[in-house]
Amino acid sequence: MGTSFVHIGEKGFWMRDSILELWLRLLALHIADPEEESIGQQIRDGWLLASRGYFLGHVPVRLEEAVSTDEGRRIVLAAIESLMIALERGATRLDHGTLNLLGFYGGQFTGEVEANRLIEVGKAFRSLLAGEIETDARSTEFMPGSMPAT
């Protein structure tokens, strides 16, 4: 089971690849459909590829690149908010059979994923975008989504 560092600049946090890939897949699906070639489509296509399950230990989130423009930042924040609302209103557990329908390479999920783990990831992404995360790649103290939230 690999881990990847999600960051903007030097600040960020480590995540287990399976949860990061699930988060990115769902987040990509919450980007509004573009009417033409756009930064939103580029971000979505990048996250769909990154979430496929090919990048063990180095999932290419490219968050810093995605939010490098005002439009990109707006799109990412809107997708996070949309997904967080859906997670908070939805089921408390996501079963592996349904998750594996999302097109992950090799159908990697074998058990349920608690929605609160993904909500924790969303909060961490928000904090990172707000500049509130102070940890760097040397720290593994906080790995969002690794354990069920209490």
Protein backbone atom coordinates (compact mmCIF):
# COMPACT_ATOMS: atom_id res chain seq x y z
CA MET A 1 0.00 0.00 0.00
CA GLY A 2 1.64 3.21 -1.18
CA THR A 3 1.44 6.74 0.10
CA SER A 4 1.69 10.06 -1.72
CA PHE A 5 2.46 13.59 -0.54
CA VAL A 6 -0.30 16.11 -1.30
CA HIS A 7 1.17 19.59 -1.27
CA ILE A 8 1.24 23.20 -2.31
CA GLY A 9 4.82 24.35 -2.29
CA GLU A 10 6.62 22.60 0.54
CA LYS A 11 3.57 22.35 2.82
CA GLY A 12 1.22 19.39 2.75
CA PHE A 13 0.43 15.95 4.11
CA TRP A 14 0.85 12.29 3.26
CA MET A 15 -2.11 10.11 2.29
CA ARG A 16 -2.65 6.44 1.56
CA ASP A 17 -2.93 6.07 -2.19
CA SER A 18 -6.21 4.14 -2.15
CA ILE A 19 -8.04 6.88 -0.22
CA LEU A 20 -6.36 9.64 -2.25
CA GLU A 21 -7.36 7.94 -5.51
CA LEU A 22 -10.94 7.52 -4.31
CA TRP A 23 -11.06 11.17 -3.21
CA LEU A 24 -9.67 12.38 -6.56
CA ARG A 25 -12.08 10.18 -8.55
CA LEU A 26 -15.08 11.52 -6.66
CA LEU A 27 -13.73 15.08 -6.68
CA ALA A 28 -13.23 14.97 -10.46
CA LEU A 29 -16.86 13.94 -10.85
CA HIS A 30 -17.89 17.07 -8.94
CA ILE A 31 -16.24 19.46 -11.39
CA ALA A 32 -18.93 21.12 -13.47
CA ASP A 33 -19.10 19.92 -17.06
CA PRO A 34 -17.31 22.43 -19.26
CA GLU A 35 -18.90 23.65 -22.46
CA GLU A 36 -15.55 23.78 -24.24
CA GLU A 37 -11.89 23.00 -23.60
CA SER A 38 -11.16 24.61 -20.25
CA ILE A 39 -9.00 24.47 -17.17
CA GLY A 40 -11.84 22.59 -15.43
CA GLN A 41 -11.67 19.86 -18.04
CA GLN A 42 -7.88 19.68 -17.71
CA ILE A 43 -8.11 19.36 -13.93
CA ARG A 44 -10.86 16.74 -14.17
CA ASP A 45 -9.01 14.70 -16.82
CA GLY A 46 -5.81 14.85 -14.76
CA TRP A 47 -7.56 13.68 -11.61
CA LEU A 48 -9.40 10.90 -13.41
CA LEU A 49 -6.07 9.58 -14.67
CA ALA A 50 -4.36 10.07 -11.29
CA SER A 51 -7.17 8.18 -9.57
CA ARG A 52 -7.06 5.17 -11.90
CA GLY A 53 -4.67 3.16 -9.70
CA TYR A 54 -1.52 3.25 -11.82
CA PHE A 55 0.69 5.49 -9.68
CA LEU A 56 1.66 3.50 -6.59
CA GLY A 57 3.49 5.79 -4.20
CA HIS A 58 3.31 8.88 -6.38
CA VAL A 59 -0.27 9.81 -7.26
CA PRO A 60 0.06 12.95 -9.44
CA VAL A 61 -2.44 15.24 -7.70
CA ARG A 62 -0.87 18.40 -9.14
CA LEU A 63 -2.91 20.50 -6.73
CA GLU A 64 -0.53 23.45 -6.85
CA GLU A 65 -0.82 23.52 -10.64
CA ALA A 66 -4.61 23.17 -10.51
CA VAL A 67 -5.03 26.19 -8.23
CA SER A 68 -2.36 28.36 -9.84
CA THR A 69 -5.01 30.57 -11.47
CA ASP A 70 -8.08 32.22 -9.97
CA GLU A 71 -10.32 30.15 -12.22
CA GLY A 72 -8.58 26.90 -11.28
CA ARG A 73 -8.79 27.73 -7.57
CA ARG A 74 -12.50 28.54 -7.92
CA ILE A 75 -13.15 25.26 -9.75
CA VAL A 76 -11.25 23.17 -7.18
CA LEU A 77 -12.94 24.84 -4.20
CA ALA A 78 -16.39 24.47 -5.80
CA ALA A 79 -15.74 20.76 -6.46
CA ILE A 80 -14.60 20.23 -2.85
CA GLU A 81 -17.70 21.97 -1.51
CA SER A 82 -20.00 19.98 -3.81
CA LEU A 83 -18.42 16.67 -2.83
CA MET A 84 -18.42 17.52 0.88
CA ILE A 85 -22.14 18.30 0.76
CA ALA A 86 -22.82 15.01 -1.03
CA LEU A 87 -20.73 13.07 1.50
CA GLU A 88 -22.39 14.72 4.48
CA ARG A 89 -25.88 14.01 3.09
CA GLY A 90 -25.13 10.52 1.79
CA ALA A 91 -24.53 7.09 3.23
CA THR A 92 -22.18 6.76 6.19
CA ARG A 93 -20.44 3.80 4.51
CA LEU A 94 -19.56 3.24 0.87
CA ASP A 95 -19.47 -0.46 -0.04
CA HIS A 96 -16.61 -1.96 -2.03
CA GLY A 97 -18.82 -3.31 -4.82
CA THR A 98 -20.10 0.15 -5.64
CA LEU A 99 -16.66 1.76 -5.31
CA ASN A 100 -15.15 -0.74 -7.71
CA LEU A 101 -17.71 0.30 -10.35
CA LEU A 102 -15.89 3.64 -10.56
CA GLY A 103 -13.19 2.23 -12.85
CA PHE A 104 -10.20 1.75 -10.59
CA TYR A 105 -7.45 -0.41 -12.06
CA GLY A 106 -7.88 -3.94 -10.75
CA GLY A 107 -10.92 -3.25 -8.54
CA GLN A 108 -8.81 -2.42 -5.51
CA PHE A 109 -11.47 -2.03 -2.79
CA THR A 110 -12.27 -5.10 -0.71
CA GLY A 111 -14.14 -3.50 2.19
CA GLU A 112 -16.31 -0.55 3.04
CA VAL A 113 -15.00 2.99 3.25
CA GLU A 114 -16.50 5.22 5.89
CA ALA A 115 -17.69 8.53 4.47
CA ASN A 116 -16.19 10.38 7.43
CA ARG A 117 -12.73 9.36 6.23
CA LEU A 118 -13.40 11.21 2.96
CA ILE A 119 -14.86 14.16 4.84
CA GLU A 120 -11.60 14.33 6.80
CA VAL A 121 -9.71 14.42 3.48
CA GLY A 122 -11.93 17.23 2.25
CA LYS A 123 -11.23 19.26 5.38
CA ALA A 124 -7.50 18.69 4.92
CA PHE A 125 -7.67 19.84 1.28
CA ARG A 126 -9.56 22.97 2.37
CA SER A 127 -6.96 23.68 5.06
CA LEU A 128 -4.12 23.21 2.61
CA LEU A 129 -5.72 25.60 0.13
CA ALA A 130 -6.28 28.13 2.94
CA GLY A 131 -2.59 27.99 3.88
CA GLU A 132 -3.34 26.46 7.28
CA ILE A 133 -1.21 23.33 6.89
CA GLU A 134 2.29 23.80 8.30
CA THR A 135 3.68 20.27 7.90
CA ASP A 136 6.05 19.22 5.14
CA ALA A 137 7.13 15.91 3.61
CA ARG A 138 9.16 15.00 6.70
CA SER A 139 6.00 14.73 8.81
CA THR A 140 3.64 11.78 8.88
CA GLU A 141 1.80 12.89 12.02
CA PHE A 142 -1.37 13.68 10.09
CA MET A 143 -2.52 11.43 7.27
CA PRO A 144 -6.12 12.39 6.44
CA GLY A 145 -8.48 9.53 5.75
CA SER A 146 -6.15 6.89 7.21
CA MET A 147 -8.29 6.08 10.20
CA PRO A 148 -12.01 6.47 10.74
CA ALA A 149 -12.73 9.87 12.27
CA THR A 150 -14.01 9.83 15.83
